[in-house]
Amino acid sequence: MKLYHGSNIEVSNPDLNKGRKRVDFGPGFYLTTLPEQAEKWARQKSGENKSKSIVSVYEFHDSDELFHKIFHGYTEEWLMFVVDNRRSDFPLVNYGYDVIFGNIADDKVIRVVNDFIERLKEGRVDDIQIVATLRDLSYQEENNQYCFATKKSLKYLQFKRSYEVK
C-alpha cells in the first residue's frame, strides 16, 4: 500500500523522537493514503517555517507481527481515543499499538473535539453530549491517517521517493 507524509523536508528515515506528542493517535510518524492530504500537511508545515513543501512517498508492507488499531469513521471509540491523546491534563497513554488508522481531527474537527474536551473537564458530558458531538463530526469531510507508533512498525515502511508541492 502506498502512503504519503507531508513536511517541509524529505523524510527518508522517520524518527519517532521528532514531532508533536499530543496529537490524535499520540506520538508517532503520521502518513495518509491520500496524496492531497499529505500535500496539505506539507503546505501547513512549510508555511510555519517559510520553506519548501515536500511529500515523502512510502510503500507499507503490512505484517501479522504488527498490533493494529483501526477506527472506522467518527465513532465514540475514536472520539475518546483522540480526546485521551490530546488532553493536556491527562497523562500520555501508550496503548501498545504499532499502527493506528482512522480519521483526522483536522481544523474543523478539532474545534468540535476541543469543545468536547472542555465539557469533559467541567464534568458536563453525558450520553446526549456524546451523540451530539458524533453528529457534528459526521458532517466533516472524510480523510484518513496512519500513525506508526513503534520502531518495529517503521521496519515495514519502505521509502520510495519524495516530491515538492508547488
N, C-alpha and C. Protein backbone atom coordinates (compact mmCIF):
# COMPACT_ATOMS: atom_id res chain seq x y z
N MET A 1 0.84 -1.17 0.00
CA MET A 1 0.00 0.00 0.00
C MET A 1 0.89 1.24 0.00
N LYS A 2 0.50 2.22 -0.81
CA LYS A 2 1.26 3.46 -0.91
C LYS A 2 0.75 4.44 0.15
N LEU A 3 1.69 5.07 0.88
CA LEU A 3 1.36 6.06 1.91
C LEU A 3 2.20 7.31 1.70
N TYR A 4 1.68 8.45 2.18
CA TYR A 4 2.31 9.75 1.94
C TYR A 4 2.47 10.51 3.25
N HIS A 5 3.61 11.21 3.37
CA HIS A 5 3.90 12.04 4.54
C HIS A 5 4.25 13.45 4.07
N GLY A 6 3.54 14.45 4.59
CA GLY A 6 3.80 15.83 4.22
C GLY A 6 4.63 16.55 5.25
N SER A 7 5.67 17.28 4.78
CA SER A 7 6.55 18.01 5.67
C SER A 7 7.22 19.15 4.90
N ASN A 8 8.18 19.79 5.55
CA ASN A 8 8.97 20.82 4.88
C ASN A 8 10.34 20.27 4.47
N ILE A 9 10.55 18.98 4.72
CA ILE A 9 11.79 18.30 4.32
C ILE A 9 11.44 16.89 3.83
N GLU A 10 12.36 16.31 3.09
CA GLU A 10 12.21 14.90 2.74
C GLU A 10 12.47 14.08 4.00
N VAL A 11 11.63 13.09 4.24
CA VAL A 11 11.79 12.23 5.40
C VAL A 11 12.00 10.80 4.89
N SER A 12 13.25 10.45 4.66
CA SER A 12 13.53 9.10 4.16
C SER A 12 13.75 8.11 5.31
N ASN A 13 14.09 8.62 6.49
CA ASN A 13 14.29 7.78 7.68
C ASN A 13 13.50 8.38 8.84
N PRO A 14 12.26 7.97 9.01
CA PRO A 14 11.43 8.54 10.08
C PRO A 14 12.05 8.34 11.46
N ASP A 15 11.88 9.34 12.32
CA ASP A 15 12.41 9.33 13.68
C ASP A 15 11.24 9.57 14.63
N LEU A 16 10.92 8.60 15.46
CA LEU A 16 9.78 8.72 16.37
C LEU A 16 10.02 9.74 17.48
N ASN A 17 11.24 10.16 17.66
CA ASN A 17 11.54 11.16 18.69
C ASN A 17 11.22 12.58 18.25
N LYS A 18 10.95 12.75 16.96
CA LYS A 18 10.60 14.08 16.44
C LYS A 18 9.08 14.18 16.32
N GLY A 19 8.60 15.38 16.27
CA GLY A 19 7.17 15.59 16.12
C GLY A 19 6.50 15.89 17.44
N ARG A 20 5.25 16.30 17.31
CA ARG A 20 4.46 16.66 18.49
C ARG A 20 3.98 15.41 19.21
N LYS A 21 3.72 15.54 20.49
CA LYS A 21 3.29 14.41 21.30
C LYS A 21 1.77 14.33 21.43
N ARG A 22 1.12 15.46 21.61
CA ARG A 22 -0.32 15.48 21.89
C ARG A 22 -1.11 15.67 20.60
N VAL A 23 -1.12 14.62 19.80
CA VAL A 23 -1.86 14.61 18.54
C VAL A 23 -2.86 13.45 18.57
N ASP A 24 -3.64 13.32 17.52
CA ASP A 24 -4.79 12.43 17.51
C ASP A 24 -4.54 11.03 18.08
N PHE A 25 -3.53 10.37 17.58
CA PHE A 25 -3.26 9.00 18.00
C PHE A 25 -2.01 8.89 18.84
N GLY A 26 -1.55 9.99 19.40
CA GLY A 26 -0.37 10.00 20.24
C GLY A 26 0.90 10.15 19.42
N PRO A 27 2.05 10.08 20.08
CA PRO A 27 3.32 10.23 19.37
C PRO A 27 3.48 9.16 18.30
N GLY A 28 4.09 9.56 17.18
CA GLY A 28 4.33 8.60 16.11
C GLY A 28 4.65 9.31 14.82
N PHE A 29 4.80 8.52 13.77
CA PHE A 29 5.06 9.03 12.42
C PHE A 29 3.76 8.90 11.65
N TYR A 30 3.24 10.03 11.17
CA TYR A 30 1.91 10.09 10.55
C TYR A 30 1.98 10.12 9.03
N LEU A 31 1.13 9.30 8.41
CA LEU A 31 1.02 9.22 6.96
C LEU A 31 -0.45 9.11 6.59
N THR A 32 -0.72 9.21 5.29
CA THR A 32 -2.08 9.06 4.78
C THR A 32 -2.05 8.32 3.45
N THR A 33 -3.19 7.76 3.07
CA THR A 33 -3.31 7.14 1.75
C THR A 33 -3.64 8.18 0.69
N LEU A 34 -3.93 9.40 1.11
CA LEU A 34 -4.39 10.46 0.21
C LEU A 34 -3.27 11.45 -0.10
N PRO A 35 -2.75 11.47 -1.33
CA PRO A 35 -1.67 12.41 -1.67
C PRO A 35 -2.06 13.86 -1.40
N GLU A 36 -3.31 14.23 -1.69
CA GLU A 36 -3.74 15.61 -1.48
C GLU A 36 -3.74 15.98 0.01
N GLN A 37 -4.02 15.01 0.87
CA GLN A 37 -3.96 15.26 2.32
C GLN A 37 -2.51 15.51 2.74
N ALA A 38 -1.58 14.71 2.24
CA ALA A 38 -0.16 14.90 2.55
C ALA A 38 0.34 16.24 2.02
N GLU A 39 -0.14 16.63 0.85
CA GLU A 39 0.26 17.92 0.27
C GLU A 39 -0.24 19.07 1.15
N LYS A 40 -1.44 18.93 1.68
CA LYS A 40 -1.97 19.94 2.60
C LYS A 40 -1.10 20.03 3.85
N TRP A 41 -0.74 18.87 4.43
CA TRP A 41 0.16 18.85 5.60
C TRP A 41 1.48 19.53 5.27
N ALA A 42 2.03 19.23 4.07
CA ALA A 42 3.32 19.80 3.67
C ALA A 42 3.22 21.33 3.57
N ARG A 43 2.13 21.82 2.99
CA ARG A 43 1.95 23.28 2.88
C ARG A 43 1.84 23.92 4.26
N GLN A 44 1.12 23.26 5.17
CA GLN A 44 1.00 23.79 6.53
C GLN A 44 2.35 23.84 7.22
N LYS A 45 3.10 22.76 7.11
CA LYS A 45 4.42 22.68 7.76
C LYS A 45 5.38 23.70 7.16
N SER A 46 5.40 23.82 5.84
CA SER A 46 6.33 24.75 5.20
C SER A 46 5.93 26.19 5.49
N GLY A 47 4.63 26.44 5.65
CA GLY A 47 4.17 27.78 5.99
C GLY A 47 4.67 28.23 7.35
N GLU A 48 4.77 27.28 8.29
CA GLU A 48 5.29 27.58 9.63
C GLU A 48 6.76 27.99 9.56
N ASN A 49 7.50 27.37 8.66
CA ASN A 49 8.95 27.58 8.58
C ASN A 49 9.38 28.38 7.35
N LYS A 50 8.40 28.78 6.52
CA LYS A 50 8.70 29.50 5.28
C LYS A 50 9.73 28.73 4.44
N SER A 51 9.45 27.47 4.22
CA SER A 51 10.37 26.60 3.48
C SER A 51 9.59 25.83 2.42
N LYS A 52 10.24 24.86 1.80
CA LYS A 52 9.61 24.05 0.76
C LYS A 52 8.53 23.15 1.35
N SER A 53 7.63 22.71 0.48
CA SER A 53 6.60 21.73 0.83
C SER A 53 6.99 20.42 0.15
N ILE A 54 7.27 19.41 0.96
CA ILE A 54 7.77 18.14 0.43
C ILE A 54 6.86 17.00 0.88
N VAL A 55 6.51 16.12 -0.06
CA VAL A 55 5.78 14.90 0.26
C VAL A 55 6.72 13.71 0.05
N SER A 56 6.87 12.91 1.09
CA SER A 56 7.66 11.68 1.01
C SER A 56 6.69 10.52 0.79
N VAL A 57 7.05 9.64 -0.13
CA VAL A 57 6.19 8.53 -0.53
C VAL A 57 6.80 7.23 -0.03
N TYR A 58 5.95 6.38 0.53
CA TYR A 58 6.39 5.10 1.11
C TYR A 58 5.54 3.97 0.58
N GLU A 59 6.09 2.78 0.68
CA GLU A 59 5.33 1.56 0.46
C GLU A 59 5.24 0.88 1.83
N PHE A 60 4.02 0.52 2.23
CA PHE A 60 3.80 -0.15 3.51
C PHE A 60 3.51 -1.61 3.24
N HIS A 61 4.33 -2.46 3.81
CA HIS A 61 4.18 -3.91 3.70
C HIS A 61 3.68 -4.42 5.05
N ASP A 62 2.39 -4.53 5.19
CA ASP A 62 1.78 -4.89 6.46
C ASP A 62 2.21 -6.29 6.89
N SER A 63 2.08 -6.55 8.18
CA SER A 63 2.51 -7.82 8.73
C SER A 63 1.62 -8.22 9.91
N ASP A 64 1.44 -9.51 10.09
CA ASP A 64 0.71 -10.03 11.25
C ASP A 64 1.47 -9.77 12.54
N GLU A 65 2.75 -9.42 12.43
CA GLU A 65 3.56 -9.14 13.62
C GLU A 65 3.21 -7.78 14.24
N LEU A 66 2.48 -6.95 13.49
CA LEU A 66 2.13 -5.62 13.98
C LEU A 66 0.77 -5.64 14.67
N PHE A 67 0.69 -4.94 15.81
CA PHE A 67 -0.55 -4.81 16.57
C PHE A 67 -1.26 -3.56 16.07
N HIS A 68 -2.43 -3.74 15.43
CA HIS A 68 -3.16 -2.66 14.78
C HIS A 68 -4.35 -2.19 15.62
N LYS A 69 -4.67 -0.92 15.43
CA LYS A 69 -5.94 -0.37 15.90
C LYS A 69 -6.52 0.36 14.70
N ILE A 70 -7.73 -0.02 14.30
CA ILE A 70 -8.38 0.58 13.14
C ILE A 70 -9.71 1.17 13.58
N PHE A 71 -9.88 2.46 13.30
CA PHE A 71 -11.14 3.14 13.57
C PHE A 71 -11.87 3.32 12.24
N HIS A 72 -13.13 2.99 12.22
CA HIS A 72 -13.95 3.15 11.02
C HIS A 72 -14.88 4.34 11.23
N GLY A 73 -14.49 5.49 10.74
CA GLY A 73 -15.31 6.69 10.85
C GLY A 73 -15.16 7.38 12.19
N TYR A 74 -15.99 8.40 12.37
CA TYR A 74 -16.01 9.16 13.62
C TYR A 74 -16.96 8.45 14.58
N THR A 75 -16.41 7.64 15.44
CA THR A 75 -17.20 6.87 16.40
C THR A 75 -16.89 7.35 17.81
N GLU A 76 -17.68 6.90 18.76
CA GLU A 76 -17.41 7.24 20.16
C GLU A 76 -16.04 6.72 20.58
N GLU A 77 -15.67 5.54 20.13
CA GLU A 77 -14.35 5.00 20.47
C GLU A 77 -13.24 5.88 19.91
N TRP A 78 -13.38 6.31 18.63
CA TRP A 78 -12.40 7.22 18.02
C TRP A 78 -12.31 8.51 18.83
N LEU A 79 -13.47 9.10 19.14
CA LEU A 79 -13.52 10.35 19.88
C LEU A 79 -12.78 10.24 21.21
N MET A 80 -13.05 9.21 21.98
CA MET A 80 -12.42 9.07 23.30
C MET A 80 -10.92 8.81 23.17
N PHE A 81 -10.51 8.09 22.14
CA PHE A 81 -9.09 7.83 21.90
C PHE A 81 -8.36 9.15 21.59
N VAL A 82 -8.95 9.96 20.70
CA VAL A 82 -8.36 11.25 20.34
C VAL A 82 -8.34 12.18 21.55
N VAL A 83 -9.43 12.20 22.29
CA VAL A 83 -9.50 13.05 23.49
C VAL A 83 -8.40 12.66 24.47
N ASP A 84 -8.23 11.37 24.72
CA ASP A 84 -7.18 10.90 25.64
C ASP A 84 -5.80 11.37 25.20
N ASN A 85 -5.56 11.36 23.89
CA ASN A 85 -4.23 11.74 23.39
C ASN A 85 -4.03 13.25 23.32
N ARG A 86 -5.09 14.01 23.22
CA ARG A 86 -4.96 15.47 23.07
C ARG A 86 -5.07 16.24 24.38
N ARG A 87 -5.59 15.63 25.42
CA ARG A 87 -5.80 16.35 26.68
C ARG A 87 -4.47 16.66 27.36
N SER A 88 -4.25 17.93 27.64
CA SER A 88 -3.01 18.34 28.30
C SER A 88 -3.04 18.00 29.79
N ASP A 89 -4.23 17.79 30.35
CA ASP A 89 -4.34 17.47 31.77
C ASP A 89 -4.39 15.96 32.01
N PHE A 90 -4.10 15.20 30.98
CA PHE A 90 -4.22 13.74 31.01
C PHE A 90 -2.85 13.15 30.69
N PRO A 91 -2.37 12.17 31.44
CA PRO A 91 -1.04 11.61 31.11
C PRO A 91 -1.07 10.90 29.76
N LEU A 92 0.03 11.00 29.03
CA LEU A 92 0.12 10.26 27.77
C LEU A 92 0.02 8.77 28.05
N VAL A 93 -0.80 8.10 27.26
CA VAL A 93 -1.04 6.68 27.46
C VAL A 93 -0.48 5.92 26.27
N ASN A 94 0.28 4.89 26.53
CA ASN A 94 0.77 4.03 25.46
C ASN A 94 -0.15 2.81 25.42
N TYR A 95 -0.95 2.74 24.39
CA TYR A 95 -1.91 1.66 24.28
C TYR A 95 -1.29 0.37 23.73
N GLY A 96 -0.03 0.44 23.36
CA GLY A 96 0.65 -0.74 22.87
C GLY A 96 0.46 -1.04 21.40
N TYR A 97 -0.20 -0.14 20.66
CA TYR A 97 -0.42 -0.36 19.24
C TYR A 97 0.84 0.00 18.45
N ASP A 98 1.11 -0.78 17.41
CA ASP A 98 2.20 -0.46 16.49
C ASP A 98 1.72 0.51 15.42
N VAL A 99 0.54 0.25 14.88
CA VAL A 99 -0.02 1.05 13.79
C VAL A 99 -1.48 1.37 14.12
N ILE A 100 -1.83 2.65 13.99
CA ILE A 100 -3.20 3.08 14.26
C ILE A 100 -3.71 3.77 13.00
N PHE A 101 -4.93 3.43 12.61
CA PHE A 101 -5.54 4.01 11.41
C PHE A 101 -6.90 4.59 11.75
N GLY A 102 -7.20 5.76 11.18
CA GLY A 102 -8.53 6.34 11.37
C GLY A 102 -8.60 7.73 10.79
N ASN A 103 -9.70 8.40 11.08
CA ASN A 103 -9.91 9.76 10.59
C ASN A 103 -9.02 10.75 11.32
N ILE A 104 -8.89 11.92 10.71
CA ILE A 104 -8.07 13.00 11.23
C ILE A 104 -8.95 13.99 11.97
N ALA A 105 -8.45 14.51 13.07
CA ALA A 105 -9.10 15.64 13.73
C ALA A 105 -8.45 16.90 13.15
N ASP A 106 -8.90 17.29 11.94
CA ASP A 106 -8.33 18.48 11.29
C ASP A 106 -8.88 19.75 11.92
N ASP A 107 -8.65 20.90 11.31
CA ASP A 107 -9.04 22.18 11.91
C ASP A 107 -10.51 22.24 12.27
N LYS A 108 -11.38 21.78 11.38
CA LYS A 108 -12.82 21.81 11.65
C LYS A 108 -13.19 20.81 12.75
N VAL A 109 -12.64 19.63 12.64
CA VAL A 109 -12.95 18.57 13.59
C VAL A 109 -12.39 18.90 14.97
N ILE A 110 -11.20 19.48 15.01
CA ILE A 110 -10.56 19.73 16.31
C ILE A 110 -11.36 20.73 17.14
N ARG A 111 -12.06 21.65 16.50
CA ARG A 111 -12.92 22.57 17.26
C ARG A 111 -14.01 21.79 18.01
N VAL A 112 -14.60 20.84 17.33
CA VAL A 112 -15.63 20.00 17.95
C VAL A 112 -15.01 19.18 19.08
N VAL A 113 -13.85 18.58 18.81
CA VAL A 113 -13.17 17.76 19.82
C VAL A 113 -12.76 18.62 21.02
N ASN A 114 -12.20 19.81 20.77
CA ASN A 114 -11.78 20.68 21.88
C ASN A 114 -12.96 21.12 22.73
N ASP A 115 -14.09 21.41 22.08
CA ASP A 115 -15.31 21.75 22.85
C ASP A 115 -15.71 20.58 23.73
N PHE A 116 -15.61 19.38 23.19
CA PHE A 116 -15.95 18.18 23.95
C PHE A 116 -14.99 18.01 25.13
N ILE A 117 -13.70 18.24 24.91
CA ILE A 117 -12.70 18.13 25.99
C ILE A 117 -13.02 19.12 27.11
N GLU A 118 -13.38 20.35 26.75
CA GLU A 118 -13.72 21.36 27.77
C GLU A 118 -14.93 20.91 28.58
N ARG A 119 -15.95 20.40 27.90
CA ARG A 119 -17.13 19.90 28.63
C ARG A 119 -16.76 18.72 29.53
N LEU A 120 -15.86 17.87 29.04
CA LEU A 120 -15.42 16.72 29.83
C LEU A 120 -14.69 17.18 31.09
N LYS A 121 -13.81 18.16 30.96
CA LYS A 121 -13.08 18.69 32.11
C LYS A 121 -14.03 19.30 33.14
N GLU A 122 -15.11 19.91 32.64
CA GLU A 122 -16.08 20.56 33.52
C GLU A 122 -17.13 19.58 34.05
N GLY A 123 -17.04 18.31 33.65
CA GLY A 123 -18.00 17.31 34.11
C GLY A 123 -19.36 17.44 33.46
N ARG A 124 -19.41 18.03 32.26
CA ARG A 124 -20.68 18.26 31.58
C ARG A 124 -20.86 17.32 30.38
N VAL A 125 -20.39 16.09 30.47
CA VAL A 125 -20.54 15.15 29.37
C VAL A 125 -21.46 14.01 29.79
N ASP A 126 -22.46 13.78 28.99
CA ASP A 126 -23.35 12.65 29.19
C ASP A 126 -23.58 11.99 27.83
N ASP A 127 -24.42 11.00 27.79
CA ASP A 127 -24.68 10.28 26.53
C ASP A 127 -25.22 11.21 25.45
N ILE A 128 -26.05 12.17 25.84
CA ILE A 128 -26.62 13.11 24.87
C ILE A 128 -25.52 13.96 24.25
N GLN A 129 -24.56 14.40 25.08
CA GLN A 129 -23.46 15.21 24.57
C GLN A 129 -22.57 14.40 23.63
N ILE A 130 -22.34 13.14 23.94
CA ILE A 130 -21.53 12.28 23.07
C ILE A 130 -22.22 12.11 21.72
N VAL A 131 -23.52 11.86 21.73
CA VAL A 131 -24.28 11.69 20.48
C VAL A 131 -24.24 12.99 19.67
N ALA A 132 -24.40 14.13 20.33
CA ALA A 132 -24.37 15.43 19.62
C ALA A 132 -23.00 15.68 19.01
N THR A 133 -21.95 15.35 19.74
CA THR A 133 -20.59 15.54 19.22
C THR A 133 -20.35 14.65 18.02
N LEU A 134 -20.76 13.40 18.09
CA LEU A 134 -20.59 12.48 16.96
C LEU A 134 -21.42 12.92 15.76
N ARG A 135 -22.60 13.48 16.01
CA ARG A 135 -23.43 14.02 14.92
C ARG A 135 -22.69 15.17 14.23
N ASP A 136 -22.11 16.08 15.02
CA ASP A 136 -21.35 17.19 14.45
C ASP A 136 -20.16 16.69 13.62
N LEU A 137 -19.50 15.65 14.10
CA LEU A 137 -18.35 15.09 13.39
C LEU A 137 -18.77 14.41 12.09
N SER A 138 -19.97 13.87 12.04
CA SER A 138 -20.41 13.12 10.85
C SER A 138 -20.53 14.01 9.62
N TYR A 139 -20.60 15.33 9.80
CA TYR A 139 -20.73 16.24 8.67
C TYR A 139 -19.37 16.63 8.09
N GLN A 140 -18.30 16.16 8.66
CA GLN A 140 -16.96 16.54 8.21
C GLN A 140 -16.55 15.71 7.00
N GLU A 141 -15.66 16.29 6.21
CA GLU A 141 -15.13 15.61 5.02
C GLU A 141 -14.30 14.40 5.45
N GLU A 142 -14.49 13.28 4.78
CA GLU A 142 -13.73 12.08 5.11
C GLU A 142 -12.25 12.27 4.78
N ASN A 143 -11.41 11.69 5.57
CA ASN A 143 -9.96 11.76 5.42
C ASN A 143 -9.39 10.55 6.14
N ASN A 144 -8.06 10.41 6.17
CA ASN A 144 -7.50 9.31 6.95
C ASN A 144 -6.06 9.58 7.31
N GLN A 145 -5.60 8.85 8.31
CA GLN A 145 -4.21 8.92 8.73
C GLN A 145 -3.79 7.60 9.33
N TYR A 146 -2.52 7.30 9.12
CA TYR A 146 -1.87 6.18 9.78
C TYR A 146 -0.85 6.75 10.75
N CYS A 147 -0.84 6.23 11.95
CA CYS A 147 0.19 6.58 12.92
C CYS A 147 1.05 5.34 13.14
N PHE A 148 2.32 5.46 12.78
CA PHE A 148 3.29 4.40 13.06
C PHE A 148 3.92 4.75 14.39
N ALA A 149 3.54 4.01 15.43
CA ALA A 149 3.84 4.41 16.81
C ALA A 149 5.05 3.72 17.42
N THR A 150 5.60 2.72 16.74
CA THR A 150 6.74 1.98 17.30
C THR A 150 7.86 1.84 16.27
N LYS A 151 9.06 1.64 16.77
CA LYS A 151 10.20 1.39 15.87
C LYS A 151 9.94 0.14 15.04
N LYS A 152 9.34 -0.85 15.66
CA LYS A 152 9.02 -2.09 14.93
C LYS A 152 8.16 -1.81 13.71
N SER A 153 7.18 -0.91 13.84
CA SER A 153 6.28 -0.62 12.72
C SER A 153 7.01 0.05 11.57
N LEU A 154 8.00 0.87 11.89
CA LEU A 154 8.74 1.58 10.84
C LEU A 154 9.52 0.63 9.94
N LYS A 155 9.82 -0.56 10.43
CA LYS A 155 10.55 -1.55 9.62
C LYS A 155 9.73 -2.02 8.42
N TYR A 156 8.43 -1.80 8.46
CA TYR A 156 7.55 -2.25 7.39
C TYR A 156 7.21 -1.13 6.41
N LEU A 157 7.85 0.02 6.60
CA LEU A 157 7.71 1.16 5.68
C LEU A 157 8.96 1.24 4.83
N GLN A 158 8.79 1.35 3.53
CA GLN A 158 9.93 1.50 2.63
C GLN A 158 9.81 2.83 1.90
N PHE A 159 10.79 3.70 2.12
CA PHE A 159 10.83 5.00 1.44
C PHE A 159 11.03 4.76 -0.05
N LYS A 160 10.23 5.43 -0.87
CA LYS A 160 10.32 5.28 -2.32
C LYS A 160 10.90 6.53 -3.00
N ARG A 161 10.35 7.69 -2.65
CA ARG A 161 10.77 8.93 -3.30
C ARG A 161 10.13 10.09 -2.54
N SER A 162 10.48 11.29 -2.98
CA SER A 162 9.78 12.48 -2.48
C SER A 162 9.56 13.42 -3.65
N TYR A 163 8.64 14.34 -3.47
CA TYR A 163 8.40 15.36 -4.49
C TYR A 163 8.02 16.67 -3.80
N GLU A 164 8.32 17.76 -4.51
CA GLU A 164 8.00 19.08 -3.99
C GLU A 164 6.60 19.49 -4.45
N VAL A 165 5.84 20.03 -3.53
CA VAL A 165 4.49 20.51 -3.82
C VAL A 165 4.63 21.98 -4.22
N LYS A 166 4.05 22.34 -5.33
CA LYS A 166 4.08 23.73 -5.81
C LYS A 166 2.89 24.49 -5.32
